[in-house]
N, C-alpha and C. Protein backbone atom coordinates (compact mmCIF):
# COMPACT_ATOMS: atom_id res chain seq x y z
N MET A 1 0.85 -1.20 0.00
CA MET A 1 0.00 0.00 0.00
C MET A 1 0.88 1.25 0.00
N ASP A 2 0.57 2.19 -0.90
CA ASP A 2 1.37 3.41 -1.00
C ASP A 2 0.93 4.39 0.08
N ARG A 3 1.83 4.71 1.00
CA ARG A 3 1.52 5.62 2.12
C ARG A 3 1.89 7.07 1.82
N ARG A 4 2.47 7.30 0.63
CA ARG A 4 2.93 8.66 0.34
C ARG A 4 1.80 9.68 0.28
N PRO A 5 0.66 9.38 -0.34
CA PRO A 5 -0.43 10.37 -0.31
C PRO A 5 -0.89 10.71 1.10
N LEU A 6 -0.94 9.66 1.96
CA LEU A 6 -1.35 9.90 3.34
C LEU A 6 -0.34 10.78 4.07
N ALA A 7 0.97 10.51 3.88
CA ALA A 7 2.01 11.31 4.51
C ALA A 7 1.96 12.76 4.02
N ALA A 8 1.73 12.95 2.73
CA ALA A 8 1.65 14.31 2.18
C ALA A 8 0.45 15.05 2.76
N TRP A 9 -0.67 14.34 2.92
CA TRP A 9 -1.86 14.97 3.49
C TRP A 9 -1.61 15.38 4.94
N ILE A 10 -0.93 14.52 5.69
CA ILE A 10 -0.62 14.84 7.08
C ILE A 10 0.28 16.06 7.17
N ARG A 11 1.28 16.14 6.26
CA ARG A 11 2.18 17.31 6.26
C ARG A 11 1.41 18.58 5.97
N ARG A 12 0.51 18.53 4.98
CA ARG A 12 -0.28 19.71 4.65
C ARG A 12 -1.18 20.12 5.82
N ASP A 13 -1.74 19.11 6.48
CA ASP A 13 -2.61 19.40 7.63
C ASP A 13 -1.81 20.02 8.77
N ASN A 14 -0.60 19.53 8.99
CA ASN A 14 0.26 20.11 10.03
C ASN A 14 0.65 21.53 9.70
N LEU A 15 0.93 21.78 8.42
CA LEU A 15 1.29 23.14 8.01
C LEU A 15 0.12 24.10 8.21
N ARG A 16 -1.09 23.64 7.86
CA ARG A 16 -2.26 24.48 8.08
C ARG A 16 -2.46 24.78 9.56
N MET A 17 -2.30 23.76 10.41
CA MET A 17 -2.45 23.96 11.85
C MET A 17 -1.40 24.91 12.39
N THR A 18 -0.15 24.75 11.90
CA THR A 18 0.93 25.65 12.34
C THR A 18 0.62 27.09 11.94
N GLY A 19 0.12 27.26 10.73
CA GLY A 19 -0.24 28.60 10.27
C GLY A 19 -1.32 29.23 11.13
N LYS A 20 -2.34 28.44 11.49
CA LYS A 20 -3.41 28.95 12.35
C LYS A 20 -2.89 29.35 13.72
N LEU A 21 -1.97 28.54 14.28
CA LEU A 21 -1.41 28.85 15.59
C LEU A 21 -0.58 30.12 15.55
N LEU A 22 0.17 30.31 14.46
CA LEU A 22 0.97 31.53 14.31
C LEU A 22 0.08 32.75 14.23
N VAL A 23 -1.04 32.62 13.53
CA VAL A 23 -1.98 33.74 13.44
C VAL A 23 -2.54 34.08 14.81
N VAL A 24 -2.88 33.05 15.62
CA VAL A 24 -3.41 33.28 16.96
C VAL A 24 -2.37 33.98 17.84
N VAL A 25 -1.11 33.52 17.77
CA VAL A 25 -0.04 34.14 18.55
C VAL A 25 0.13 35.59 18.15
N ALA A 26 0.13 35.87 16.84
CA ALA A 26 0.28 37.25 16.36
C ALA A 26 -0.87 38.12 16.84
N MET A 27 -2.09 37.57 16.82
CA MET A 27 -3.24 38.35 17.29
C MET A 27 -3.14 38.64 18.77
N MET A 28 -2.68 37.65 19.56
CA MET A 28 -2.54 37.87 21.00
C MET A 28 -1.48 38.92 21.29
N ALA A 29 -0.36 38.86 20.57
CA ALA A 29 0.70 39.86 20.75
C ALA A 29 0.20 41.24 20.37
N GLY A 30 -0.55 41.32 19.27
CA GLY A 30 -1.10 42.61 18.86
C GLY A 30 -2.09 43.16 19.87
N PHE A 31 -2.89 42.27 20.44
CA PHE A 31 -3.85 42.71 21.45
C PHE A 31 -3.14 43.23 22.68
N GLY A 32 -2.08 42.53 23.11
CA GLY A 32 -1.32 42.99 24.27
C GLY A 32 -0.70 44.35 24.03
N TYR A 33 -0.18 44.57 22.82
CA TYR A 33 0.44 45.85 22.49
C TYR A 33 -0.61 46.97 22.44
N ALA A 34 -1.82 46.61 21.98
CA ALA A 34 -2.88 47.61 21.81
C ALA A 34 -3.68 47.84 23.08
N LEU A 35 -3.38 47.11 24.16
CA LEU A 35 -4.20 47.18 25.36
C LEU A 35 -4.23 48.58 25.95
N VAL A 36 -3.06 49.22 26.06
CA VAL A 36 -3.02 50.57 26.64
C VAL A 36 -3.75 51.57 25.76
N PRO A 37 -3.55 51.60 24.43
CA PRO A 37 -4.36 52.52 23.61
C PRO A 37 -5.86 52.27 23.74
N ILE A 38 -6.26 51.00 23.89
CA ILE A 38 -7.67 50.69 24.07
C ILE A 38 -8.18 51.30 25.37
N TYR A 39 -7.38 51.12 26.45
CA TYR A 39 -7.74 51.73 27.73
C TYR A 39 -7.81 53.25 27.59
N ARG A 40 -6.85 53.78 26.81
CA ARG A 40 -6.81 55.23 26.61
C ARG A 40 -8.09 55.72 25.94
N ALA A 41 -8.57 54.96 24.95
CA ALA A 41 -9.79 55.33 24.24
C ALA A 41 -10.99 55.28 25.18
N VAL A 42 -11.04 54.26 26.03
CA VAL A 42 -12.11 54.16 27.02
C VAL A 42 -12.04 55.32 27.99
N CYS A 43 -10.82 55.66 28.38
CA CYS A 43 -10.60 56.78 29.30
C CYS A 43 -11.15 58.07 28.71
N THR A 44 -10.84 58.30 27.43
CA THR A 44 -11.30 59.52 26.76
C THR A 44 -12.81 59.54 26.66
N ALA A 45 -13.40 58.40 26.34
CA ALA A 45 -14.85 58.33 26.17
C ALA A 45 -15.59 58.55 27.48
N LEU A 46 -15.04 58.02 28.58
CA LEU A 46 -15.72 58.10 29.86
C LEU A 46 -15.27 59.29 30.70
N GLY A 47 -14.18 59.95 30.29
CA GLY A 47 -13.69 61.10 31.05
C GLY A 47 -12.97 60.74 32.32
N ILE A 48 -12.42 59.50 32.39
CA ILE A 48 -11.68 59.07 33.57
C ILE A 48 -10.36 58.47 33.15
N ASN A 49 -9.43 58.42 34.08
CA ASN A 49 -8.13 57.81 33.82
C ASN A 49 -8.21 56.34 34.19
N VAL A 50 -8.53 55.49 33.20
CA VAL A 50 -8.73 54.07 33.47
C VAL A 50 -7.46 53.42 34.00
N LEU A 51 -6.30 53.83 33.48
CA LEU A 51 -5.05 53.20 33.88
C LEU A 51 -4.74 53.40 35.35
N ALA A 52 -5.15 54.53 35.90
CA ALA A 52 -4.84 54.83 37.30
C ALA A 52 -6.02 54.60 38.23
N LEU A 53 -7.17 54.22 37.69
CA LEU A 53 -8.37 54.12 38.51
C LEU A 53 -8.20 53.12 39.64
N GLY A 54 -7.66 51.94 39.35
CA GLY A 54 -7.47 50.92 40.38
C GLY A 54 -6.52 51.38 41.46
N GLU A 55 -5.43 52.06 41.07
CA GLU A 55 -4.47 52.54 42.05
C GLU A 55 -5.09 53.61 42.94
N ARG A 56 -5.88 54.50 42.37
CA ARG A 56 -6.50 55.55 43.16
C ARG A 56 -7.50 54.97 44.16
N GLN A 57 -8.16 53.89 43.77
CA GLN A 57 -9.12 53.27 44.68
C GLN A 57 -8.43 52.69 45.90
N HIS A 58 -7.16 52.29 45.76
CA HIS A 58 -6.41 51.70 46.88
C HIS A 58 -5.53 52.72 47.59
N ALA A 59 -5.58 53.99 47.14
CA ALA A 59 -4.77 55.01 47.79
C ALA A 59 -5.32 55.32 49.17
N VAL A 60 -4.43 55.66 50.09
CA VAL A 60 -4.85 56.00 51.45
C VAL A 60 -4.35 57.40 51.79
N LYS A 61 -4.95 57.99 52.79
CA LYS A 61 -4.54 59.31 53.26
C LYS A 61 -3.76 59.16 54.56
N LYS A 62 -2.91 60.15 54.83
CA LYS A 62 -2.05 60.07 56.01
C LYS A 62 -2.87 59.99 57.29
N GLU A 63 -4.00 60.70 57.33
CA GLU A 63 -4.81 60.66 58.55
C GLU A 63 -5.43 59.28 58.77
N ASP A 64 -5.54 58.50 57.69
CA ASP A 64 -6.08 57.15 57.84
C ASP A 64 -5.10 56.22 58.56
N LEU A 65 -3.84 56.65 58.68
CA LEU A 65 -2.81 55.80 59.27
C LEU A 65 -2.53 56.13 60.73
N ARG A 66 -3.28 57.05 61.30
CA ARG A 66 -2.98 57.49 62.65
C ARG A 66 -3.05 56.35 63.66
N ASN A 67 -3.95 55.41 63.44
CA ASN A 67 -4.11 54.31 64.39
C ASN A 67 -3.37 53.04 63.95
N THR A 68 -2.57 53.17 62.90
CA THR A 68 -1.82 52.02 62.42
C THR A 68 -0.59 51.80 63.28
N GLN A 69 -0.43 50.61 63.80
CA GLN A 69 0.71 50.28 64.64
C GLN A 69 1.83 49.68 63.80
N VAL A 70 3.04 50.15 64.04
CA VAL A 70 4.20 49.61 63.33
C VAL A 70 4.57 48.27 63.96
N ASP A 71 4.73 47.27 63.12
CA ASP A 71 5.10 45.93 63.59
C ASP A 71 6.62 45.80 63.55
N TYR A 72 7.26 46.06 64.70
CA TYR A 72 8.72 46.01 64.76
C TYR A 72 9.24 44.58 64.90
N SER A 73 8.34 43.61 64.97
CA SER A 73 8.78 42.23 65.14
C SER A 73 9.24 41.59 63.84
N ARG A 74 9.02 42.24 62.72
CA ARG A 74 9.46 41.67 61.44
C ARG A 74 9.76 42.77 60.44
N ARG A 75 10.53 42.39 59.43
CA ARG A 75 10.88 43.29 58.33
C ARG A 75 10.45 42.66 57.00
N ILE A 76 10.03 43.52 56.09
CA ILE A 76 9.68 43.08 54.76
C ILE A 76 10.69 43.67 53.78
N SER A 77 11.27 42.83 52.94
CA SER A 77 12.20 43.30 51.91
C SER A 77 11.39 43.74 50.70
N VAL A 78 11.52 45.01 50.33
CA VAL A 78 10.79 45.56 49.19
C VAL A 78 11.78 45.78 48.04
N GLU A 79 11.53 45.13 46.93
CA GLU A 79 12.36 45.27 45.73
C GLU A 79 11.69 46.24 44.78
N PHE A 80 12.49 47.14 44.18
CA PHE A 80 11.96 48.13 43.24
C PHE A 80 12.49 47.83 41.84
N ASP A 81 11.56 47.55 40.95
CA ASP A 81 11.92 47.19 39.58
C ASP A 81 11.28 48.18 38.61
N THR A 82 11.98 48.51 37.52
CA THR A 82 11.44 49.43 36.53
C THR A 82 11.60 48.83 35.14
N ASN A 83 10.54 48.94 34.37
CA ASN A 83 10.55 48.51 32.97
C ASN A 83 10.21 49.71 32.10
N ALA A 84 11.01 49.97 31.10
CA ALA A 84 10.79 51.12 30.22
C ALA A 84 10.50 50.64 28.81
N ARG A 85 9.29 50.90 28.33
CA ARG A 85 8.93 50.57 26.97
C ARG A 85 8.96 51.84 26.14
N GLY A 86 10.13 52.28 25.82
CA GLY A 86 10.27 53.51 25.05
C GLY A 86 11.63 54.14 25.29
N PRO A 87 11.97 55.14 24.52
CA PRO A 87 13.28 55.80 24.65
C PRO A 87 13.31 56.82 25.77
N TRP A 88 13.37 56.34 26.99
CA TRP A 88 13.50 57.22 28.14
C TRP A 88 14.32 56.53 29.22
N ASP A 89 14.72 57.30 30.21
CA ASP A 89 15.52 56.79 31.33
C ASP A 89 14.64 56.83 32.57
N PHE A 90 14.48 55.69 33.21
CA PHE A 90 13.56 55.58 34.34
C PHE A 90 14.17 54.64 35.38
N LYS A 91 14.36 55.13 36.60
CA LYS A 91 15.00 54.29 37.62
C LYS A 91 14.67 54.81 39.03
N PRO A 92 14.70 53.91 40.02
CA PRO A 92 14.51 54.32 41.41
C PRO A 92 15.84 54.74 42.03
N ALA A 93 15.75 55.50 43.12
CA ALA A 93 16.97 55.93 43.81
C ALA A 93 17.66 54.74 44.46
N VAL A 94 16.90 53.75 44.90
CA VAL A 94 17.45 52.52 45.49
C VAL A 94 16.73 51.34 44.88
N ARG A 95 17.39 50.19 44.88
CA ARG A 95 16.78 49.00 44.30
C ARG A 95 16.03 48.14 45.32
N HIS A 96 16.33 48.33 46.59
CA HIS A 96 15.58 47.59 47.61
C HIS A 96 15.77 48.25 48.97
N MET A 97 14.86 47.95 49.86
CA MET A 97 14.98 48.40 51.25
C MET A 97 14.18 47.45 52.14
N ASP A 98 14.54 47.44 53.42
CA ASP A 98 13.82 46.64 54.40
C ASP A 98 12.96 47.57 55.24
N VAL A 99 11.67 47.26 55.36
CA VAL A 99 10.76 48.12 56.11
C VAL A 99 9.93 47.28 57.07
N HIS A 100 9.45 47.93 58.12
CA HIS A 100 8.53 47.28 59.05
C HIS A 100 7.10 47.49 58.54
N PRO A 101 6.23 46.52 58.65
CA PRO A 101 4.81 46.74 58.34
C PRO A 101 4.25 47.86 59.20
N GLY A 102 3.48 48.74 58.58
CA GLY A 102 2.93 49.89 59.30
C GLY A 102 3.83 51.10 59.28
N GLU A 103 5.04 50.98 58.74
CA GLU A 103 6.01 52.08 58.72
C GLU A 103 5.87 52.89 57.44
N LEU A 104 5.70 54.21 57.57
CA LEU A 104 5.58 55.10 56.43
C LEU A 104 6.93 55.23 55.74
N THR A 105 6.98 54.96 54.43
CA THR A 105 8.24 54.89 53.70
C THR A 105 8.15 55.69 52.40
N THR A 106 9.27 56.30 52.03
CA THR A 106 9.34 57.07 50.78
C THR A 106 10.52 56.59 49.95
N VAL A 107 10.29 56.41 48.66
CA VAL A 107 11.37 56.11 47.73
C VAL A 107 11.20 57.03 46.52
N MET A 108 12.32 57.56 46.02
CA MET A 108 12.28 58.50 44.91
C MET A 108 12.58 57.80 43.59
N TYR A 109 11.93 58.28 42.54
CA TYR A 109 12.14 57.77 41.18
C TYR A 109 12.52 58.92 40.26
N THR A 110 13.43 58.64 39.32
CA THR A 110 13.84 59.63 38.34
C THR A 110 13.39 59.18 36.96
N PHE A 111 12.78 60.10 36.23
CA PHE A 111 12.32 59.81 34.87
C PHE A 111 12.81 60.94 33.96
N GLN A 112 13.42 60.58 32.85
CA GLN A 112 13.89 61.58 31.89
C GLN A 112 13.50 61.22 30.47
N ASN A 113 12.95 62.19 29.78
CA ASN A 113 12.64 62.04 28.37
C ASN A 113 13.92 62.31 27.57
N VAL A 114 14.52 61.29 26.99
CA VAL A 114 15.78 61.45 26.27
C VAL A 114 15.56 61.64 24.77
N GLN A 115 14.31 61.85 24.38
CA GLN A 115 14.02 62.08 22.97
C GLN A 115 14.12 63.57 22.63
N ASN A 116 14.06 63.87 21.35
CA ASN A 116 14.08 65.27 20.91
C ASN A 116 12.66 65.74 20.56
N ARG A 117 11.68 65.17 21.22
CA ARG A 117 10.28 65.56 21.00
C ARG A 117 9.51 65.47 22.32
N VAL A 118 8.40 66.16 22.37
CA VAL A 118 7.52 66.11 23.54
C VAL A 118 6.86 64.74 23.60
N MET A 119 6.71 64.21 24.79
CA MET A 119 6.06 62.91 24.95
C MET A 119 5.13 62.93 26.16
N ALA A 120 4.10 62.08 26.10
CA ALA A 120 3.20 61.88 27.23
C ALA A 120 3.27 60.42 27.63
N ALA A 121 3.25 60.15 28.93
CA ALA A 121 3.43 58.77 29.39
C ALA A 121 2.61 58.52 30.65
N GLN A 122 2.39 57.24 30.92
CA GLN A 122 1.64 56.79 32.10
C GLN A 122 2.34 55.57 32.66
N ALA A 123 2.50 55.51 33.98
CA ALA A 123 3.12 54.36 34.64
C ALA A 123 2.05 53.42 35.15
N ILE A 124 2.29 52.13 35.01
CA ILE A 124 1.38 51.11 35.52
C ILE A 124 2.16 50.22 36.48
N PRO A 125 1.72 50.10 37.73
CA PRO A 125 2.44 49.27 38.71
C PRO A 125 1.95 47.83 38.70
N SER A 126 2.80 46.95 39.18
CA SER A 126 2.42 45.56 39.41
C SER A 126 3.17 45.08 40.64
N TYR A 127 2.67 44.01 41.25
CA TYR A 127 3.21 43.53 42.51
C TYR A 127 3.44 42.03 42.46
N ALA A 128 4.47 41.60 43.14
CA ALA A 128 4.74 40.17 43.29
C ALA A 128 5.19 39.93 44.73
N PRO A 129 4.59 38.94 45.40
CA PRO A 129 3.50 38.09 44.91
C PRO A 129 2.18 38.85 44.83
N LYS A 130 1.26 38.32 44.04
CA LYS A 130 -0.02 38.99 43.82
C LYS A 130 -0.80 39.15 45.13
N GLN A 131 -0.64 38.22 46.05
CA GLN A 131 -1.39 38.28 47.29
C GLN A 131 -1.02 39.49 48.14
N ALA A 132 0.12 40.13 47.84
CA ALA A 132 0.56 41.30 48.60
C ALA A 132 -0.10 42.59 48.11
N THR A 133 -0.74 42.55 46.95
CA THR A 133 -1.30 43.76 46.34
C THR A 133 -2.22 44.55 47.27
N PRO A 134 -3.22 43.94 47.90
CA PRO A 134 -4.13 44.74 48.74
C PRO A 134 -3.49 45.26 50.02
N TYR A 135 -2.28 44.80 50.35
CA TYR A 135 -1.61 45.23 51.58
C TYR A 135 -0.57 46.31 51.32
N PHE A 136 -0.33 46.63 50.03
CA PHE A 136 0.66 47.64 49.68
C PHE A 136 -0.10 48.94 49.41
N ASN A 137 -0.14 49.81 50.42
CA ASN A 137 -0.95 51.02 50.34
C ASN A 137 -0.08 52.24 50.03
N LYS A 138 -0.49 53.02 49.05
CA LYS A 138 0.25 54.22 48.65
C LYS A 138 -0.49 55.48 49.07
N LEU A 139 0.27 56.43 49.62
CA LEU A 139 -0.28 57.75 49.91
C LEU A 139 -0.03 58.70 48.74
N GLU A 140 1.10 58.50 48.08
CA GLU A 140 1.45 59.36 46.95
C GLU A 140 2.20 58.51 45.92
N CYS A 141 1.86 58.71 44.64
CA CYS A 141 2.51 57.93 43.59
C CYS A 141 2.31 58.61 42.24
N PHE A 142 3.36 58.64 41.43
CA PHE A 142 3.25 59.21 40.09
C PHE A 142 2.34 58.37 39.20
N CYS A 143 2.06 57.12 39.61
CA CYS A 143 1.20 56.25 38.81
C CYS A 143 -0.27 56.68 38.87
N PHE A 144 -0.60 57.68 39.70
CA PHE A 144 -1.98 58.13 39.79
C PHE A 144 -2.37 59.00 38.59
N ASN A 145 -1.37 59.51 37.86
CA ASN A 145 -1.63 60.47 36.79
C ASN A 145 -0.81 60.16 35.55
N GLU A 146 -1.11 60.86 34.48
CA GLU A 146 -0.29 60.81 33.27
C GLU A 146 0.47 62.14 33.17
N TYR A 147 1.57 62.15 32.43
CA TYR A 147 2.46 63.31 32.42
C TYR A 147 2.94 63.63 31.01
N THR A 148 3.24 64.91 30.82
CA THR A 148 3.86 65.37 29.58
C THR A 148 5.24 65.92 29.91
N LEU A 149 6.25 65.49 29.16
CA LEU A 149 7.62 65.96 29.38
C LEU A 149 8.18 66.53 28.08
N GLN A 150 8.90 67.62 28.21
CA GLN A 150 9.54 68.25 27.07
C GLN A 150 10.80 67.46 26.68
N PRO A 151 11.36 67.70 25.50
CA PRO A 151 12.59 67.00 25.10
C PRO A 151 13.70 67.20 26.13
N GLY A 152 14.27 66.10 26.62
CA GLY A 152 15.36 66.16 27.59
C GLY A 152 14.93 66.47 29.01
N GLU A 153 13.65 66.71 29.24
CA GLU A 153 13.18 67.08 30.58
C GLU A 153 13.26 65.90 31.55
N GLN A 154 13.65 66.20 32.78
CA GLN A 154 13.78 65.19 33.83
C GLN A 154 12.92 65.55 35.02
N LYS A 155 12.26 64.54 35.59
CA LYS A 155 11.42 64.74 36.76
C LYS A 155 11.83 63.78 37.87
N VAL A 156 11.65 64.22 39.10
CA VAL A 156 11.90 63.37 40.27
C VAL A 156 10.59 63.25 41.02
N TRP A 157 10.14 62.02 41.18
CA TRP A 157 8.84 61.76 41.79
C TRP A 157 8.98 60.85 43.00
N PRO A 158 8.13 61.03 44.02
CA PRO A 158 8.15 60.13 45.18
C PRO A 158 7.07 59.06 45.10
N VAL A 159 7.34 57.96 45.74
CA VAL A 159 6.30 56.98 46.03
C VAL A 159 6.29 56.84 47.55
N VAL A 160 5.20 57.23 48.17
CA VAL A 160 5.05 57.16 49.62
C VAL A 160 4.09 56.01 49.92
N PHE A 161 4.56 55.04 50.66
CA PHE A 161 3.74 53.85 50.88
C PHE A 161 3.87 53.32 52.30
N VAL A 162 2.94 52.46 52.66
CA VAL A 162 2.99 51.76 53.93
C VAL A 162 2.43 50.35 53.69
N ILE A 163 3.08 49.37 54.26
CA ILE A 163 2.62 47.99 54.13
C ILE A 163 1.72 47.66 55.31
N ASP A 164 0.54 47.19 55.01
CA ASP A 164 -0.43 46.86 56.04
C ASP A 164 0.13 45.77 56.97
N PRO A 165 0.10 46.00 58.28
CA PRO A 165 0.58 44.97 59.23
C PRO A 165 -0.17 43.65 59.12
N LYS A 166 -1.34 43.66 58.46
CA LYS A 166 -2.11 42.44 58.28
C LYS A 166 -1.55 41.56 57.16
N LEU A 167 -0.48 42.01 56.52
CA LEU A 167 0.15 41.22 55.48
C LEU A 167 0.48 39.83 56.02
N PRO A 168 0.11 38.75 55.30
CA PRO A 168 0.40 37.39 55.80
C PRO A 168 1.88 37.22 56.14
N ARG A 169 2.15 36.52 57.22
CA ARG A 169 3.51 36.38 57.72
C ARG A 169 4.41 35.55 56.80
N ASP A 170 3.81 34.78 55.91
CA ASP A 170 4.65 34.00 55.01
C ASP A 170 5.19 34.83 53.86
N VAL A 171 4.74 36.09 53.74
CA VAL A 171 5.27 36.99 52.71
C VAL A 171 6.46 37.73 53.29
N LYS A 172 7.64 37.44 52.80
CA LYS A 172 8.87 38.06 53.29
C LYS A 172 9.41 39.14 52.35
N THR A 173 9.07 39.02 51.05
CA THR A 173 9.58 39.94 50.04
C THR A 173 8.45 40.39 49.13
N ILE A 174 8.43 41.68 48.82
CA ILE A 174 7.46 42.22 47.87
C ILE A 174 8.23 42.95 46.77
N THR A 175 7.91 42.67 45.53
CA THR A 175 8.52 43.37 44.39
C THR A 175 7.50 44.34 43.81
N LEU A 176 7.87 45.62 43.82
CA LEU A 176 7.04 46.66 43.22
C LEU A 176 7.66 47.01 41.87
N SER A 177 6.92 46.78 40.81
CA SER A 177 7.44 47.00 39.47
C SER A 177 6.60 48.06 38.75
N TYR A 178 7.27 48.98 38.07
CA TYR A 178 6.57 50.00 37.29
C TYR A 178 6.96 49.87 35.82
N THR A 179 5.97 49.96 34.96
CA THR A 179 6.20 50.00 33.53
C THR A 179 5.61 51.28 32.98
N PHE A 180 6.42 52.07 32.27
CA PHE A 180 5.93 53.30 31.65
C PHE A 180 5.52 53.00 30.22
N PHE A 181 4.36 53.49 29.83
CA PHE A 181 3.87 53.38 28.47
C PHE A 181 3.70 54.79 27.90
N GLU A 182 4.14 54.97 26.67
CA GLU A 182 3.88 56.24 26.01
C GLU A 182 2.43 56.25 25.54
N ILE A 183 1.75 57.39 25.71
CA ILE A 183 0.34 57.51 25.35
C ILE A 183 0.25 57.98 23.91
N PRO A 184 -0.24 57.16 23.00
CA PRO A 184 -0.31 57.54 21.58
C PRO A 184 -1.16 58.78 21.38
N GLY A 185 -0.69 59.66 20.50
CA GLY A 185 -1.45 60.84 20.15
C GLY A 185 -1.38 61.97 21.14
N LYS A 186 -0.65 61.77 22.25
CA LYS A 186 -0.57 62.80 23.29
C LYS A 186 0.69 63.64 23.18
N GLY A 187 1.70 63.15 22.48
CA GLY A 187 2.95 63.91 22.37
C GLY A 187 2.73 65.25 21.73
N GLY A 188 3.23 66.28 22.38
CA GLY A 188 3.12 67.62 21.83
C GLY A 188 1.82 68.31 22.19
N SER A 189 0.89 67.61 22.81
CA SER A 189 -0.37 68.22 23.21
C SER A 189 -0.46 68.26 24.73
N ALA A 190 -1.28 69.15 25.25
CA ALA A 190 -1.40 69.31 26.70
C ALA A 190 -2.21 68.17 27.28
N VAL A 191 -1.88 67.78 28.48
CA VAL A 191 -2.68 66.80 29.22
C VAL A 191 -3.20 67.47 30.48
N LYS A 192 -4.13 66.80 31.14
CA LYS A 192 -4.80 67.42 32.28
C LYS A 192 -3.87 67.64 33.46
N VAL A 193 -2.93 66.71 33.67
CA VAL A 193 -2.07 66.79 34.85
C VAL A 193 -0.63 66.91 34.40
N GLN A 194 0.05 67.94 34.79
CA GLN A 194 1.44 68.15 34.45
C GLN A 194 2.32 67.69 35.61
N ALA A 195 3.44 67.04 35.27
CA ALA A 195 4.35 66.59 36.32
C ALA A 195 5.05 67.78 36.93
N GLN A 196 5.19 67.77 38.24
CA GLN A 196 5.87 68.83 38.97
C GLN A 196 7.12 68.27 39.63
N ALA A 197 8.26 68.89 39.36
CA ALA A 197 9.49 68.45 39.99
C ALA A 197 9.41 68.79 41.47
N LEU A 198 9.90 67.89 42.27
CA LEU A 198 9.85 68.09 43.72
C LEU A 198 11.11 68.77 44.22
N PRO A 199 10.99 69.67 45.19
CA PRO A 199 12.19 70.24 45.79
C PRO A 199 12.95 69.19 46.56
N VAL A 200 14.24 69.39 46.68
CA VAL A 200 15.06 68.45 47.44
C VAL A 200 14.69 68.53 48.90
N GLN A 201 14.41 67.38 49.50
CA GLN A 201 13.99 67.33 50.90
C GLN A 201 14.99 66.54 51.71
N THR A 202 15.05 66.87 52.98
CA THR A 202 15.91 66.11 53.88
C THR A 202 15.28 64.76 54.13
N PRO A 203 15.97 63.66 53.86
CA PRO A 203 15.36 62.34 54.02
C PRO A 203 14.91 62.08 55.45
N GLY A 204 13.75 61.44 55.56
CA GLY A 204 13.26 61.02 56.86
C GLY A 204 14.03 59.80 57.32
N PRO A 205 13.69 59.27 58.48
CA PRO A 205 14.43 58.12 59.02
C PRO A 205 14.43 56.94 58.07
N VAL A 206 13.26 56.60 57.51
CA VAL A 206 13.18 55.43 56.65
C VAL A 206 13.86 55.68 55.33
N GLN A 207 13.59 56.86 54.72
CA GLN A 207 14.20 57.17 53.44
C GLN A 207 15.72 57.25 53.57
N GLY A 208 16.19 57.87 54.66
CA GLY A 208 17.63 57.95 54.86
C GLY A 208 18.26 56.59 54.99
N ARG A 209 17.56 55.68 55.71
CA ARG A 209 18.10 54.33 55.84
C ARG A 209 18.12 53.62 54.50
N ALA A 210 17.08 53.89 53.69
CA ALA A 210 17.01 53.25 52.37
C ALA A 210 18.17 53.72 51.49
N GLN A 211 18.49 55.02 51.56
CA GLN A 211 19.59 55.52 50.75
C GLN A 211 20.91 54.91 51.19
N GLU A 212 21.06 54.73 52.51
CA GLU A 212 22.29 54.10 53.00
C GLU A 212 22.38 52.67 52.50
N GLN A 213 21.22 51.97 52.49
CA GLN A 213 21.23 50.59 52.01
C GLN A 213 21.56 50.52 50.54
N GLY A 214 21.15 51.58 49.77
CA GLY A 214 21.39 51.56 48.34
C GLY A 214 22.81 51.90 47.95
N GLN A 215 23.58 52.53 48.87
CA GLN A 215 24.94 52.91 48.55
C GLN A 215 25.85 51.70 48.59
N GLY A 216 26.70 51.64 47.58
CA GLY A 216 27.72 50.60 47.55
C GLY A 216 27.18 49.26 47.14
N GLN A 217 25.91 49.19 46.67
CA GLN A 217 25.35 47.92 46.26
C GLN A 217 25.09 47.96 44.77
N GLU A 218 25.30 46.83 44.12
CA GLU A 218 25.01 46.72 42.71
C GLU A 218 23.51 46.61 42.53
N PRO A 219 22.92 47.30 41.50
CA PRO A 219 21.49 47.17 41.27
C PRO A 219 21.11 45.73 41.01
N ARG A 220 19.99 45.31 41.58
CA ARG A 220 19.47 43.97 41.34
C ARG A 220 18.71 43.95 40.04
N THR A 221 18.85 42.88 39.31
CA THR A 221 18.11 42.76 38.08
C THR A 221 17.11 41.63 38.18
């Protein structure tokens, strides 16, 4: 019995299946790339900042922390990671620090537009492990807004946060990661919220300790 026609049919069928899978992968990649512009369109239609809405809902005020007790019995290692999807320079002042749950902490971030054109961008945070997300409370964060920067302009922004003492005890390390996305169609045009450079401040106890921890250490990748 000649098996060659059957083998040829199987090869053609495999090629068709491979082609379909490649199309699916390409569509998924395209959807992931278009996700932020889609959110941006929804934001424009509804008049809200969809990208920052979740973060604002979890933001806390300083007066809300008056009854929060600092848990000095343990320390949480907080790792700071930055991802830049575009031609800009974005980094934290320190790559990690150890903090007590309930302790108010500040870390500074530097962002510079290294292009020769105006750009608008928005930062999106993520947390690892995921279970730590509801316990990582921010009082101030550049991720709450979108920003416009002139060519070569540099901004220094703070992230002021406190880790809820109710954080499960099996969580020893939290990674806070920020990814900046350029907002299509916003370059060169005004946005509602402009970034404001912060004056140099004397570091508080926690921030000062964080800077000391960051000195002389190689950045973690």
